[in-house]
């Protein structure tokens, strides 16, 4: 058995009962697969770096447990198809690593207008003198017209003789 942790990102609009149900169902799946449940830490609602399904926030939960790789595969499969789970990440737990949630970052005020780049007034790089060889234009000779290249002209005599 290996030590694992799963960081669950749940829909923030889910009621607390539904979030608890998802966590308890995950715990049951782990214990039925022969694993040992260690801990559940609800990290709470946090702002996302980018919106997921038009939602700027998510509810985070950290689950730690010991299980066989097959059990972890089953838990991940169930979480992928569970409504309300926006994302999840299962990794092997590092012994001695911190399990506390990261400090929330101060929110920056939102801008209504998109940011515009200001034109940069940089001096253009100095141009090197061009060292071109003088070009000598060669006259293009017209191709001679041969009688084989052109189609025979129809004359009144050839039209009447047909």
C-alpha atoms as a PDB file:
ATOM      1  CA  UNK A   1       0.000   0.000   0.000  1.00  0.00           C
ATOM      2  CA  UNK A   2       1.099   3.541  -0.789  1.00  0.00           C
ATOM      3  CA  UNK A   3       0.405   6.866   0.902  1.00  0.00           C
ATOM      4  CA  UNK A   4      -1.734   9.137  -1.289  1.00  0.00           C
ATOM      5  CA  UNK A   5      -3.437  12.466  -1.097  1.00  0.00           C
ATOM      6  CA  UNK A   6      -6.217  13.825  -3.268  1.00  0.00           C
ATOM      7  CA  UNK A   7      -6.952  17.497  -3.608  1.00  0.00           C
ATOM      8  CA  UNK A   8     -10.619  17.848  -4.533  1.00  0.00           C
ATOM      9  CA  UNK A   9     -11.956  20.993  -6.156  1.00  0.00           C
ATOM     10  CA  UNK A  10     -15.716  20.992  -5.737  1.00  0.00           C
ATOM     11  CA  UNK A  11     -18.359  23.301  -7.148  1.00  0.00           C
ATOM     12  CA  UNK A  12     -18.738  26.152  -4.614  1.00  0.00           C
ATOM     13  CA  UNK A  13     -22.484  26.284  -5.233  1.00  0.00           C
ATOM     14  CA  UNK A  14     -22.965  22.744  -3.889  1.00  0.00           C
ATOM     15  CA  UNK A  15     -24.624  22.596  -0.484  1.00  0.00           C
ATOM     16  CA  UNK A  16     -22.400  21.459   2.386  1.00  0.00           C
ATOM     17  CA  UNK A  17     -24.375  18.208   2.635  1.00  0.00           C
ATOM     18  CA  UNK A  18     -23.531  17.288  -0.965  1.00  0.00           C
ATOM     19  CA  UNK A  19     -19.839  18.122  -0.452  1.00  0.00           C
ATOM     20  CA  UNK A  20     -19.801  15.905   2.672  1.00  0.00           C
ATOM     21  CA  UNK A  21     -21.536  13.152   0.699  1.00  0.00           C
ATOM     22  CA  UNK A  22     -18.834  13.217  -2.006  1.00  0.00           C
ATOM     23  CA  UNK A  23     -16.074  13.018   0.620  1.00  0.00           C
ATOM     24  CA  UNK A  24     -17.797  10.212   2.560  1.00  0.00           C
ATOM     25  CA  UNK A  25     -18.415   8.212  -0.637  1.00  0.00           C
ATOM     26  CA  UNK A  26     -14.717   8.580  -1.502  1.00  0.00           C
ATOM     27  CA  UNK A  27     -13.824   7.351   1.994  1.00  0.00           C
ATOM     28  CA  UNK A  28     -16.111   4.323   1.616  1.00  0.00           C
ATOM     29  CA  UNK A  29     -14.543   3.427  -1.744  1.00  0.00           C
ATOM     30  CA  UNK A  30     -11.057   3.591  -0.213  1.00  0.00           C
ATOM     31  CA  UNK A  31     -12.008   1.443   2.782  1.00  0.00           C
ATOM     32  CA  UNK A  32     -13.843  -1.119   0.607  1.00  0.00           C
ATOM     33  CA  UNK A  33     -10.667  -1.443  -1.504  1.00  0.00           C
ATOM     34  CA  UNK A  34      -8.628  -2.338   1.588  1.00  0.00           C
ATOM     35  CA  UNK A  35      -7.178   1.134   2.151  1.00  0.00           C
ATOM     36  CA  UNK A  36      -6.871   3.145   5.363  1.00  0.00           C
ATOM     37  CA  UNK A  37      -8.406   6.607   5.638  1.00  0.00           C
ATOM     38  CA  UNK A  38      -6.031   9.076   7.322  1.00  0.00           C
ATOM     39  CA  UNK A  39      -7.483  12.581   7.233  1.00  0.00           C
ATOM     40  CA  UNK A  40      -9.858  15.046   5.605  1.00  0.00           C
ATOM     41  CA  UNK A  41      -9.036  18.749   5.693  1.00  0.00           C
ATOM     42  CA  UNK A  42     -11.601  21.137   4.240  1.00  0.00           C
ATOM     43  CA  UNK A  43      -9.600  24.112   2.977  1.00  0.00           C
ATOM     44  CA  UNK A  44     -12.706  26.118   2.210  1.00  0.00           C
ATOM     45  CA  UNK A  45     -13.710  28.328  -0.666  1.00  0.00           C
ATOM     46  CA  UNK A  46     -10.890  29.955  -2.607  1.00  0.00           C
ATOM     47  CA  UNK A  47     -10.514  32.070  -5.718  1.00  0.00           C
ATOM     48  CA  UNK A  48      -9.336  30.203  -8.812  1.00  0.00           C
ATOM     49  CA  UNK A  49      -6.491  31.393 -11.003  1.00  0.00           C
ATOM     50  CA  UNK A  50      -8.847  31.025 -13.971  1.00  0.00           C
ATOM     51  CA  UNK A  51     -12.551  30.325 -14.244  1.00  0.00           C
ATOM     52  CA  UNK A  52     -13.759  26.759 -14.615  1.00  0.00           C
ATOM     53  CA  UNK A  53     -17.268  26.376 -16.035  1.00  0.00           C
ATOM     54  CA  UNK A  54     -17.741  30.147 -15.595  1.00  0.00           C
ATOM     55  CA  UNK A  55     -17.095  29.885 -11.837  1.00  0.00           C
ATOM     56  CA  UNK A  56     -14.381  32.078 -10.285  1.00  0.00           C
ATOM     57  CA  UNK A  57     -14.271  30.150  -6.959  1.00  0.00           C
ATOM     58  CA  UNK A  58     -13.967  26.563  -5.810  1.00  0.00           C
ATOM     59  CA  UNK A  59     -14.307  24.582  -2.581  1.00  0.00           C
ATOM     60  CA  UNK A  60     -11.093  22.693  -1.762  1.00  0.00           C
ATOM     61  CA  UNK A  61     -10.797  19.476   0.265  1.00  0.00           C
ATOM     62  CA  UNK A  62      -7.565  17.577   0.985  1.00  0.00           C
ATOM     63  CA  UNK A  63      -7.985  13.827   1.508  1.00  0.00           C
ATOM     64  CA  UNK A  64      -5.113  11.653   2.769  1.00  0.00           C
ATOM     65  CA  UNK A  65      -5.134   7.856   2.859  1.00  0.00           C
ATOM     66  CA  UNK A  66      -3.174   4.639   2.282  1.00  0.00           C
ATOM     67  CA  UNK A  67      -4.357   2.365  -0.506  1.00  0.00           C
ATOM     68  CA  UNK A  68      -3.359   0.003  -3.266  1.00  0.00           C
ATOM     69  CA  UNK A  69      -2.872   1.512  -6.749  1.00  0.00           C
ATOM     70  CA  UNK A  70      -5.989  -0.300  -7.985  1.00  0.00           C
ATOM     71  CA  UNK A  71      -8.078   1.401  -5.299  1.00  0.00           C
ATOM     72  CA  UNK A  72      -6.686   4.791  -6.282  1.00  0.00           C
ATOM     73  CA  UNK A  73      -7.622   4.090  -9.907  1.00  0.00           C
ATOM     74  CA  UNK A  74     -11.196   3.295  -8.859  1.00  0.00           C
ATOM     75  CA  UNK A  75     -11.446   6.433  -6.698  1.00  0.00           C
ATOM     76  CA  UNK A  76     -10.180   8.593  -9.587  1.00  0.00           C
ATOM     77  CA  UNK A  77     -12.641   6.965 -11.990  1.00  0.00           C
ATOM     78  CA  UNK A  78     -15.557   7.676  -9.663  1.00  0.00           C
ATOM     79  CA  UNK A  79     -14.468  11.277  -9.060  1.00  0.00           C
ATOM     80  CA  UNK A  80     -14.217  11.924 -12.823  1.00  0.00           C
ATOM     81  CA  UNK A  81     -17.879  11.023 -13.341  1.00  0.00           C
ATOM     82  CA  UNK A  82     -19.253  12.592 -10.143  1.00  0.00           C
ATOM     83  CA  UNK A  83     -21.341  15.730 -10.619  1.00  0.00           C
ATOM     84  CA  UNK A  84     -20.040  18.591  -8.529  1.00  0.00           C
ATOM     85  CA  UNK A  85     -16.364  17.634  -8.779  1.00  0.00           C
ATOM     86  CA  UNK A  86     -14.737  20.324 -10.895  1.00  0.00           C
ATOM     87  CA  UNK A  87     -11.197  18.894 -10.670  1.00  0.00           C
ATOM     88  CA  UNK A  88      -9.217  16.420  -8.596  1.00  0.00           C
ATOM     89  CA  UNK A  89      -5.547  15.577  -8.336  1.00  0.00           C
ATOM     90  CA  UNK A  90      -4.232  12.379  -6.774  1.00  0.00           C
ATOM     91  CA  UNK A  91      -0.531  12.197  -5.894  1.00  0.00           C
ATOM     92  CA  UNK A  92       1.745  10.106  -3.711  1.00  0.00           C
ATOM     93  CA  UNK A  93       2.174  11.723  -0.343  1.00  0.00           C
ATOM     94  CA  UNK A  94       5.644  12.863   0.661  1.00  0.00           C
ATOM     95  CA  UNK A  95       6.554  12.028   4.260  1.00  0.00           C
ATOM     96  CA  UNK A  96       7.052  15.146   6.346  1.00  0.00           C
ATOM     97  CA  UNK A  97       5.442  17.511   3.833  1.00  0.00           C
ATOM     98  CA  UNK A  98       3.198  20.276   5.071  1.00  0.00           C
ATOM     99  CA  UNK A  99      -0.513  19.570   4.812  1.00  0.00           C
ATOM    100  CA  UNK A 100      -1.744  23.021   5.733  1.00  0.00           C
ATOM    101  CA  UNK A 101      -3.532  25.054   3.095  1.00  0.00           C
ATOM    102  CA  UNK A 102      -1.640  27.830   1.360  1.00  0.00           C
ATOM    103  CA  UNK A 103      -2.215  31.345   2.618  1.00  0.00           C
ATOM    104  CA  UNK A 104      -4.875  33.197   0.649  1.00  0.00           C
ATOM    105  CA  UNK A 105      -3.508  35.838  -1.661  1.00  0.00           C
ATOM    106  CA  UNK A 106      -4.866  39.364  -1.449  1.00  0.00           C
ATOM    107  CA  UNK A 107      -7.338  39.988  -4.209  1.00  0.00           C
ATOM    108  CA  UNK A 108      -6.511  42.601  -6.772  1.00  0.00           C
ATOM    109  CA  UNK A 109      -9.301  44.945  -7.870  1.00  0.00           C
ATOM    110  CA  UNK A 110     -10.879  43.786 -11.080  1.00  0.00           C
ATOM    111  CA  UNK A 111     -10.615  45.992 -14.111  1.00  0.00           C
ATOM    112  CA  UNK A 112     -13.616  46.476 -16.280  1.00  0.00           C
ATOM    113  CA  UNK A 113     -11.584  47.287 -19.394  1.00  0.00           C
ATOM    114  CA  UNK A 114      -9.051  44.923 -20.869  1.00  0.00           C
ATOM    115  CA  UNK A 115      -5.458  45.978 -20.368  1.00  0.00           C
ATOM    116  CA  UNK A 116      -3.898  47.788 -23.270  1.00  0.00           C
ATOM    117  CA  UNK A 117      -0.238  47.741 -23.980  1.00  0.00           C
ATOM    118  CA  UNK A 118       1.258  51.198 -24.132  1.00  0.00           C
ATOM    119  CA  UNK A 119       3.390  51.821 -27.197  1.00  0.00           C
ATOM    120  CA  UNK A 120       7.045  51.477 -26.450  1.00  0.00           C
ATOM    121  CA  UNK A 121       9.287  54.290 -27.510  1.00  0.00           C
ATOM    122  CA  UNK A 122      12.533  52.523 -27.955  1.00  0.00           C
ATOM    123  CA  UNK A 123      15.229  53.677 -30.295  1.00  0.00           C
ATOM    124  CA  UNK A 124      15.458  51.460 -33.363  1.00  0.00           C
ATOM    125  CA  UNK A 125      18.644  49.413 -33.555  1.00  0.00           C
ATOM    126  CA  UNK A 126      21.356  51.051 -35.627  1.00  0.00           C
ATOM    127  CA  UNK A 127      21.304  49.863 -39.187  1.00  0.00           C
ATOM    128  CA  UNK A 128      24.408  48.406 -40.661  1.00  0.00           C
ATOM    129  CA  UNK A 129      25.489  49.803 -44.019  1.00  0.00           C
ATOM    130  CA  UNK A 130      24.268  47.580 -46.774  1.00  0.00           C
ATOM    131  CA  UNK A 131      26.980  46.010 -48.838  1.00  0.00           C
ATOM    132  CA  UNK A 132      25.260  45.021 -51.999  1.00  0.00           C
ATOM    133  CA  UNK A 133      26.999  44.024 -55.174  1.00  0.00           C
ATOM    134  CA  UNK A 134      25.997  46.059 -58.196  1.00  0.00           C
ATOM    135  CA  UNK A 135      23.479  44.126 -60.248  1.00  0.00           C
ATOM    136  CA  UNK A 136      23.880  43.924 -63.944  1.00  0.00           C
ATOM    137  CA  UNK A 137      20.625  43.367 -65.665  1.00  0.00           C
ATOM    138  CA  UNK A 138      20.868  40.871 -68.454  1.00  0.00           C
ATOM    139  CA  UNK A 139      18.666  41.427 -71.469  1.00  0.00           C
ATOM    140  CA  UNK A 140      16.024  38.796 -71.871  1.00  0.00           C
ATOM    141  CA  UNK A 141      15.969  37.460 -75.389  1.00  0.00           C
ATOM    142  CA  UNK A 142      12.612  36.781 -76.957  1.00  0.00           C
ATOM    143  CA  UNK A 143      12.083  33.150 -77.803  1.00  0.00           C
ATOM    144  CA  UNK A 144      11.924  32.502 -81.520  1.00  0.00           C
ATOM    145  CA  UNK A 145       8.534  31.493 -82.759  1.00  0.00           C
ATOM    146  CA  UNK A 146       8.653  28.229 -84.613  1.00  0.00           C
ATOM    147  CA  UNK A 147       5.962  26.899 -86.872  1.00  0.00           C
ATOM    148  CA  UNK A 148       5.707  23.742 -84.766  1.00  0.00           C
ATOM    149  CA  UNK A 149       4.739  25.655 -81.630  1.00  0.00           C
ATOM    150  CA  UNK A 150       1.786  27.430 -83.135  1.00  0.00           C
ATOM    151  CA  UNK A 151      -1.349  25.846 -84.495  1.00  0.00           C
ATOM    152  CA  UNK A 152      -1.937  26.066 -88.268  1.00  0.00           C
ATOM    153  CA  UNK A 153      -4.185  28.899 -89.255  1.00  0.00           C
ATOM    154  CA  UNK A 154      -7.402  28.032 -90.921  1.00  0.00           C
ATOM    155  CA  UNK A 155      -7.796  29.523 -94.338  1.00  0.00           C
ATOM    156  CA  UNK A 156     -10.823  29.756 -96.504  1.00  0.00           C
ATOM    157  CA  UNK A 157      -9.393  27.085 -98.765  1.00  0.00           C
ATOM    158  CA  UNK A 158      -8.960  24.524 -96.008  1.00  0.00           C
ATOM    159  CA  UNK A 159     -12.468  25.082 -94.650  1.00  0.00           C
ATOM    160  CA  UNK A 160     -14.063  24.642 -98.090  1.00  0.00           C
ATOM    161  CA  UNK A 161     -12.064  21.486 -98.853  1.00  0.00           C
ATOM    162  CA  UNK A 162     -13.390  19.528 -95.942  1.00  0.00           C
END
